[in-house]
Amino acid sequence: MSRFSVHIGETTQSVDLPVGPNDPTPLVRDVYCEVEAADEDAAKEAGYREWDVKYGEGNQPVSAIVRVTKLD
């Protein structure tokens, strides 16, 4: 098993941006975690499990930027 850093970030395409200057900025969700996994694909899956823990199952982003970096 190797150690990986995983970042999954929602892109602005999946959130409604404010229309006017006084509208609140929407939350852009993301998850950073370090996981032990067999390979990058398994690390990505572990990152999405962390997403489900943080934001609830079925709330995964429609469009996301996923970065997986091997640490060792």
PDB file of N, CA and C in Angstrom:
ATOM      1  N   MET A   1       0.841  -1.186   0.000  1.00  0.00           N
ATOM      2  CA  MET A   1       0.000   0.000   0.000  1.00  0.00           C
ATOM      3  C   MET A   1       0.889   1.253   0.000  1.00  0.00           C
ATOM      4  N   SER A   2       0.440   2.229  -0.731  1.00  0.00           N
ATOM      5  CA  SER A   2       1.137   3.511  -0.801  1.00  0.00           C
ATOM      6  C   SER A   2       0.270   4.597  -0.174  1.00  0.00           C
ATOM      7  N   ARG A   3       0.888   5.704   0.138  1.00  0.00           N
ATOM      8  CA  ARG A   3       0.175   6.844   0.729  1.00  0.00           C
ATOM      9  C   ARG A   3      -0.040   7.900  -0.355  1.00  0.00           C
ATOM     10  N   PHE A   4      -1.272   8.428  -0.425  1.00  0.00           N
ATOM     11  CA  PHE A   4      -1.637   9.421  -1.427  1.00  0.00           C
ATOM     12  C   PHE A   4      -2.318  10.617  -0.777  1.00  0.00           C
ATOM     13  N   SER A   5      -2.115  11.765  -1.381  1.00  0.00           N
ATOM     14  CA  SER A   5      -2.867  12.967  -1.038  1.00  0.00           C
ATOM     15  C   SER A   5      -3.941  13.111  -2.115  1.00  0.00           C
ATOM     16  N   VAL A   6      -5.189  13.343  -1.684  1.00  0.00           N
ATOM     17  CA  VAL A   6      -6.300  13.451  -2.622  1.00  0.00           C
ATOM     18  C   VAL A   6      -7.013  14.779  -2.383  1.00  0.00           C
ATOM     19  N   HIS A   7      -7.237  15.517  -3.471  1.00  0.00           N
ATOM     20  CA  HIS A   7      -8.044  16.731  -3.411  1.00  0.00           C
ATOM     21  C   HIS A   7      -9.149  16.596  -4.447  1.00  0.00           C
ATOM     22  N   ILE A   8     -10.390  16.711  -3.995  1.00  0.00           N
ATOM     23  CA  ILE A   8     -11.545  16.733  -4.882  1.00  0.00           C
ATOM     24  C   ILE A   8     -12.215  18.074  -4.673  1.00  0.00           C
ATOM     25  N   GLY A   9     -12.294  18.852  -5.738  1.00  0.00           N
ATOM     26  CA  GLY A   9     -12.873  20.188  -5.655  1.00  0.00           C
ATOM     27  C   GLY A   9     -13.969  20.380  -6.686  1.00  0.00           C
ATOM     28  N   GLU A  10     -15.042  20.969  -6.240  1.00  0.00           N
ATOM     29  CA  GLU A  10     -16.161  21.270  -7.118  1.00  0.00           C
ATOM     30  C   GLU A  10     -15.770  22.411  -8.058  1.00  0.00           C
ATOM     31  N   THR A  11     -16.149  22.327  -9.313  1.00  0.00           N
ATOM     32  CA  THR A  11     -15.898  23.429 -10.226  1.00  0.00           C
ATOM     33  C   THR A  11     -17.079  24.383 -10.199  1.00  0.00           C
ATOM     34  N   THR A  12     -16.877  25.600 -10.674  1.00  0.00           N
ATOM     35  CA  THR A  12     -17.947  26.601 -10.639  1.00  0.00           C
ATOM     36  C   THR A  12     -19.088  26.261 -11.582  1.00  0.00           C
ATOM     37  N   GLN A  13     -18.891  25.299 -12.492  1.00  0.00           N
ATOM     38  CA  GLN A  13     -19.970  24.891 -13.386  1.00  0.00           C
ATOM     39  C   GLN A  13     -21.099  24.204 -12.628  1.00  0.00           C
ATOM     40  N   SER A  14     -20.807  23.640 -11.460  1.00  0.00           N
ATOM     41  CA  SER A  14     -21.826  22.883 -10.746  1.00  0.00           C
ATOM     42  C   SER A  14     -22.499  23.691  -9.634  1.00  0.00           C
ATOM     43  N   VAL A  15     -22.191  24.986  -9.528  1.00  0.00           N
ATOM     44  CA  VAL A  15     -22.847  25.843  -8.548  1.00  0.00           C
ATOM     45  C   VAL A  15     -23.386  27.082  -9.255  1.00  0.00           C
ATOM     46  N   ASP A  16     -24.414  27.679  -8.688  1.00  0.00           N
ATOM     47  CA  ASP A  16     -24.972  28.912  -9.230  1.00  0.00           C
ATOM     48  C   ASP A  16     -24.183  30.092  -8.686  1.00  0.00           C
ATOM     49  N   LEU A  17     -23.583  30.855  -9.579  1.00  0.00           N
ATOM     50  CA  LEU A  17     -22.825  32.024  -9.148  1.00  0.00           C
ATOM     51  C   LEU A  17     -23.773  33.178  -8.852  1.00  0.00           C
ATOM     52  N   PRO A  18     -23.376  34.097  -7.964  1.00  0.00           N
ATOM     53  CA  PRO A  18     -24.250  35.220  -7.624  1.00  0.00           C
ATOM     54  C   PRO A  18     -24.545  36.076  -8.856  1.00  0.00           C
ATOM     55  N   VAL A  19     -25.758  36.614  -8.900  1.00  0.00           N
ATOM     56  CA  VAL A  19     -26.169  37.430 -10.030  1.00  0.00           C
ATOM     57  C   VAL A  19     -25.796  38.890  -9.810  1.00  0.00           C
ATOM     58  N   GLY A  20     -25.970  39.366  -8.611  1.00  0.00           N
ATOM     59  CA  GLY A  20     -25.706  40.767  -8.313  1.00  0.00           C
ATOM     60  C   GLY A  20     -24.559  40.939  -7.345  1.00  0.00           C
ATOM     61  N   PRO A  21     -24.082  42.172  -7.189  1.00  0.00           N
ATOM     62  CA  PRO A  21     -22.931  42.429  -6.312  1.00  0.00           C
ATOM     63  C   PRO A  21     -23.232  42.183  -4.830  1.00  0.00           C
ATOM     64  N   ASN A  22     -24.492  42.194  -4.432  1.00  0.00           N
ATOM     65  CA  ASN A  22     -24.827  41.989  -3.021  1.00  0.00           C
ATOM     66  C   ASN A  22     -25.314  40.577  -2.727  1.00  0.00           C
ATOM     67  N   ASP A  23     -25.343  39.716  -3.750  1.00  0.00           N
ATOM     68  CA  ASP A  23     -25.748  38.328  -3.533  1.00  0.00           C
ATOM     69  C   ASP A  23     -24.624  37.562  -2.845  1.00  0.00           C
ATOM     70  N   PRO A  24     -24.969  36.621  -1.982  1.00  0.00           N
ATOM     71  CA  PRO A  24     -23.926  35.847  -1.297  1.00  0.00           C
ATOM     72  C   PRO A  24     -23.188  34.938  -2.278  1.00  0.00           C
ATOM     73  N   THR A  25     -21.922  34.731  -2.017  1.00  0.00           N
ATOM     74  CA  THR A  25     -21.125  33.817  -2.825  1.00  0.00           C
ATOM     75  C   THR A  25     -21.455  32.393  -2.400  1.00  0.00           C
ATOM     76  N   PRO A  26     -21.772  31.523  -3.344  1.00  0.00           N
ATOM     77  CA  PRO A  26     -22.112  30.147  -2.966  1.00  0.00           C
ATOM     78  C   PRO A  26     -20.891  29.379  -2.471  1.00  0.00           C
ATOM     79  N   LEU A  27     -21.147  28.405  -1.640  1.00  0.00           N
ATOM     80  CA  LEU A  27     -20.096  27.538  -1.126  1.00  0.00           C
ATOM     81  C   LEU A  27     -19.598  26.645  -2.256  1.00  0.00           C
ATOM     82  N   VAL A  28     -18.301  26.625  -2.470  1.00  0.00           N
ATOM     83  CA  VAL A  28     -17.695  25.688  -3.409  1.00  0.00           C
ATOM     84  C   VAL A  28     -17.077  24.594  -2.560  1.00  0.00           C
ATOM     85  N   ARG A  29     -17.642  23.417  -2.653  1.00  0.00           N
ATOM     86  CA  ARG A  29     -17.247  22.323  -1.764  1.00  0.00           C
ATOM     87  C   ARG A  29     -15.959  21.663  -2.235  1.00  0.00           C
ATOM     88  N   ASP A  30     -15.167  21.175  -1.257  1.00  0.00           N
ATOM     89  CA  ASP A  30     -13.981  20.406  -1.573  1.00  0.00           C
ATOM     90  C   ASP A  30     -13.578  19.525  -0.415  1.00  0.00           C
ATOM     91  N   VAL A  31     -12.733  18.551  -0.723  1.00  0.00           N
ATOM     92  CA  VAL A  31     -12.233  17.614   0.277  1.00  0.00           C
ATOM     93  C   VAL A  31     -10.735  17.424   0.036  1.00  0.00           C
ATOM     94  N   TYR A  32      -9.967  17.520   1.111  1.00  0.00           N
ATOM     95  CA  TYR A  32      -8.543  17.176   1.096  1.00  0.00           C
ATOM     96  C   TYR A  32      -8.367  16.019   2.069  1.00  0.00           C
ATOM     97  N   CYS A  33      -7.658  14.976   1.646  1.00  0.00           N
ATOM     98  CA  CYS A  33      -7.396  13.881   2.582  1.00  0.00           C
ATOM     99  C   CYS A  33      -6.125  13.149   2.165  1.00  0.00           C
ATOM    100  N   GLU A  34      -5.569  12.423   3.108  1.00  0.00           N
ATOM    101  CA  GLU A  34      -4.453  11.527   2.839  1.00  0.00           C
ATOM    102  C   GLU A  34      -4.941  10.125   3.122  1.00  0.00           C
ATOM    103  N   VAL A  35      -4.686   9.224   2.168  1.00  0.00           N
ATOM    104  CA  VAL A  35      -5.195   7.857   2.279  1.00  0.00           C
ATOM    105  C   VAL A  35      -4.101   6.866   1.918  1.00  0.00           C
ATOM    106  N   GLU A  36      -4.252   5.643   2.411  1.00  0.00           N
ATOM    107  CA  GLU A  36      -3.410   4.536   1.983  1.00  0.00           C
ATOM    108  C   GLU A  36      -4.219   3.737   0.985  1.00  0.00           C
ATOM    109  N   ALA A  37      -3.615   3.472  -0.183  1.00  0.00           N
ATOM    110  CA  ALA A  37      -4.320   2.761  -1.232  1.00  0.00           C
ATOM    111  C   ALA A  37      -3.325   2.005  -2.103  1.00  0.00           C
ATOM    112  N   ALA A  38      -3.842   1.056  -2.871  1.00  0.00           N
ATOM    113  CA  ALA A  38      -3.001   0.243  -3.747  1.00  0.00           C
ATOM    114  C   ALA A  38      -2.512   1.032  -4.950  1.00  0.00           C
ATOM    115  N   ASP A  39      -3.345   1.948  -5.464  1.00  0.00           N
ATOM    116  CA  ASP A  39      -2.969   2.731  -6.640  1.00  0.00           C
ATOM    117  C   ASP A  39      -3.775   4.027  -6.659  1.00  0.00           C
ATOM    118  N   GLU A  40      -3.557   4.836  -7.715  1.00  0.00           N
ATOM    119  CA  GLU A  40      -4.229   6.136  -7.804  1.00  0.00           C
ATOM    120  C   GLU A  40      -5.750   6.003  -7.916  1.00  0.00           C
ATOM    121  N   ASP A  41      -6.217   4.994  -8.646  1.00  0.00           N
ATOM    122  CA  ASP A  41      -7.670   4.808  -8.771  1.00  0.00           C
ATOM    123  C   ASP A  41      -8.308   4.484  -7.423  1.00  0.00           C
ATOM    124  N   ALA A  42      -7.659   3.645  -6.653  1.00  0.00           N
ATOM    125  CA  ALA A  42      -8.182   3.305  -5.322  1.00  0.00           C
ATOM    126  C   ALA A  42      -8.128   4.519  -4.404  1.00  0.00           C
ATOM    127  N   ALA A  43      -7.098   5.350  -4.549  1.00  0.00           N
ATOM    128  CA  ALA A  43      -7.000   6.569  -3.745  1.00  0.00           C
ATOM    129  C   ALA A  43      -8.139   7.530  -4.100  1.00  0.00           C
ATOM    130  N   LYS A  44      -8.441   7.641  -5.382  1.00  0.00           N
ATOM    131  CA  LYS A  44      -9.547   8.499  -5.829  1.00  0.00           C
ATOM    132  C   LYS A  44     -10.876   8.011  -5.249  1.00  0.00           C
ATOM    133  N   GLU A  45     -11.093   6.704  -5.276  1.00  0.00           N
ATOM    134  CA  GLU A  45     -12.316   6.137  -4.687  1.00  0.00           C
ATOM    135  C   GLU A  45     -12.396   6.449  -3.197  1.00  0.00           C
ATOM    136  N   ALA A  46     -11.266   6.351  -2.506  1.00  0.00           N
ATOM    137  CA  ALA A  46     -11.236   6.677  -1.079  1.00  0.00           C
ATOM    138  C   ALA A  46     -11.557   8.152  -0.857  1.00  0.00           C
ATOM    139  N   GLY A  47     -11.066   9.012  -1.752  1.00  0.00           N
ATOM    140  CA  GLY A  47     -11.378  10.441  -1.660  1.00  0.00           C
ATOM    141  C   GLY A  47     -12.870  10.699  -1.806  1.00  0.00           C
ATOM    142  N   TYR A  48     -13.516   9.998  -2.724  1.00  0.00           N
ATOM    143  CA  TYR A  48     -14.965  10.161  -2.884  1.00  0.00           C
ATOM    144  C   TYR A  48     -15.739   9.607  -1.681  1.00  0.00           C
ATOM    145  N   ARG A  49     -15.201   8.590  -1.023  1.00  0.00           N
ATOM    146  CA  ARG A  49     -15.848   8.115   0.220  1.00  0.00           C
ATOM    147  C   ARG A  49     -15.768   9.198   1.294  1.00  0.00           C
ATOM    148  N   GLU A  50     -14.629   9.896   1.357  1.00  0.00           N
ATOM    149  CA  GLU A  50     -14.493  11.018   2.296  1.00  0.00           C
ATOM    150  C   GLU A  50     -15.490  12.127   1.948  1.00  0.00           C
ATOM    151  N   TRP A  51     -15.690  12.361   0.649  1.00  0.00           N
ATOM    152  CA  TRP A  51     -16.677  13.342   0.191  1.00  0.00           C
ATOM    153  C   TRP A  51     -18.058  12.967   0.737  1.00  0.00           C
ATOM    154  N   ASP A  52     -18.418  11.683   0.603  1.00  0.00           N
ATOM    155  CA  ASP A  52     -19.724  11.224   1.071  1.00  0.00           C
ATOM    156  C   ASP A  52     -19.878  11.417   2.573  1.00  0.00           C
ATOM    157  N   VAL A  53     -18.792  11.212   3.322  1.00  0.00           N
ATOM    158  CA  VAL A  53     -18.835  11.422   4.769  1.00  0.00           C
ATOM    159  C   VAL A  53     -19.075  12.900   5.079  1.00  0.00           C
ATOM    160  N   LYS A  54     -18.387  13.773   4.357  1.00  0.00           N
ATOM    161  CA  LYS A  54     -18.472  15.209   4.641  1.00  0.00           C
ATOM    162  C   LYS A  54     -19.785  15.835   4.164  1.00  0.00           C
ATOM    163  N   TYR A  55     -20.250  15.444   2.965  1.00  0.00           N
ATOM    164  CA  TYR A  55     -21.410  16.112   2.372  1.00  0.00           C
ATOM    165  C   TYR A  55     -22.645  15.226   2.233  1.00  0.00           C
ATOM    166  N   GLY A  56     -22.533  13.955   2.586  1.00  0.00           N
ATOM    167  CA  GLY A  56     -23.669  13.047   2.494  1.00  0.00           C
ATOM    168  C   GLY A  56     -23.655  12.268   1.188  1.00  0.00           C
ATOM    169  N   GLU A  57     -24.116  11.037   1.271  1.00  0.00           N
ATOM    170  CA  GLU A  57     -24.166  10.194   0.079  1.00  0.00           C
ATOM    171  C   GLU A  57     -25.120  10.785  -0.950  1.00  0.00           C
ATOM    172  N   GLY A  58     -24.758  10.642  -2.200  1.00  0.00           N
ATOM    173  CA  GLY A  58     -25.595  11.156  -3.273  1.00  0.00           C
ATOM    174  C   GLY A  58     -25.415  12.635  -3.546  1.00  0.00           C
ATOM    175  N   ASN A  59     -24.464  13.282  -2.874  1.00  0.00           N
ATOM    176  CA  ASN A  59     -24.224  14.715  -3.055  1.00  0.00           C
ATOM    177  C   ASN A  59     -22.880  14.988  -3.717  1.00  0.00           C
ATOM    178  N   GLN A  60     -22.419  14.047  -4.546  1.00  0.00           N
ATOM    179  CA  GLN A  60     -21.146  14.244  -5.218  1.00  0.00           C
ATOM    180  C   GLN A  60     -21.283  15.300  -6.303  1.00  0.00           C
ATOM    181  N   PRO A  61     -20.198  15.998  -6.600  1.00  0.00           N
ATOM    182  CA  PRO A  61     -20.264  17.088  -7.572  1.00  0.00           C
ATOM    183  C   PRO A  61     -20.539  16.582  -8.985  1.00  0.00           C
ATOM    184  N   VAL A  62     -21.267  17.391  -9.739  1.00  0.00           N
ATOM    185  CA  VAL A  62     -21.515  17.065 -11.134  1.00  0.00           C
ATOM    186  C   VAL A  62     -20.222  17.197 -11.928  1.00  0.00           C
ATOM    187  N   SER A  63     -19.458  18.219 -11.602  1.00  0.00           N
ATOM    188  CA  SER A  63     -18.183  18.469 -12.264  1.00  0.00           C
ATOM    189  C   SER A  63     -17.143  18.734 -11.190  1.00  0.00           C
ATOM    190  N   ALA A  64     -16.049  17.990 -11.232  1.00  0.00           N
ATOM    191  CA  ALA A  64     -15.033  18.133 -10.174  1.00  0.00           C
ATOM    192  C   ALA A  64     -13.627  18.086 -10.757  1.00  0.00           C
ATOM    193  N   ILE A  65     -12.735  18.723 -10.043  1.00  0.00           N
ATOM    194  CA  ILE A  65     -11.306  18.610 -10.320  1.00  0.00           C
ATOM    195  C   ILE A  65     -10.752  17.634  -9.273  1.00  0.00           C
ATOM    196  N   VAL A  66     -10.119  16.582  -9.724  1.00  0.00           N
ATOM    197  CA  VAL A  66      -9.585  15.573  -8.813  1.00  0.00           C
ATOM    198  C   VAL A  66      -8.071  15.513  -9.001  1.00  0.00           C
ATOM    199  N   ARG A  67      -7.351  15.708  -7.899  1.00  0.00           N
ATOM    200  CA  ARG A  67      -5.881  15.611  -7.921  1.00  0.00           C
ATOM    201  C   ARG A  67      -5.446  14.530  -6.949  1.00  0.00           C
ATOM    202  N   VAL A  68      -4.669  13.590  -7.459  1.00  0.00           N
ATOM    203  CA  VAL A  68      -4.134  12.515  -6.635  1.00  0.00           C
ATOM    204  C   VAL A  68      -2.618  12.581  -6.741  1.00  0.00           C
ATOM    205  N   THR A  69      -1.939  12.687  -5.588  1.00  0.00           N
ATOM    206  CA  THR A  69      -0.488  12.799  -5.555  1.00  0.00           C
ATOM    207  C   THR A  69       0.070  11.696  -4.667  1.00  0.00           C
ATOM    208  N   LYS A  70       0.991  10.915  -5.210  1.00  0.00           N
ATOM    209  CA  LYS A  70       1.625   9.858  -4.422  1.00  0.00           C
ATOM    210  C   LYS A  70       2.629  10.506  -3.470  1.00  0.00           C
ATOM    211  N   LEU A  71       2.551  10.160  -2.192  1.00  0.00           N
ATOM    212  CA  LEU A  71       3.399  10.774  -1.181  1.00  0.00           C
ATOM    213  C   LEU A  71       4.654   9.976  -0.870  1.00  0.00           C
ATOM    214  N   ASP A  72       4.619   8.675  -1.119  1.00  0.00           N
ATOM    215  CA  ASP A  72       5.832   7.880  -0.838  1.00  0.00           C
ATOM    216  C   ASP A  72       6.171   6.966  -1.988  1.00  0.00           C
TER     217      ASP A  72
END
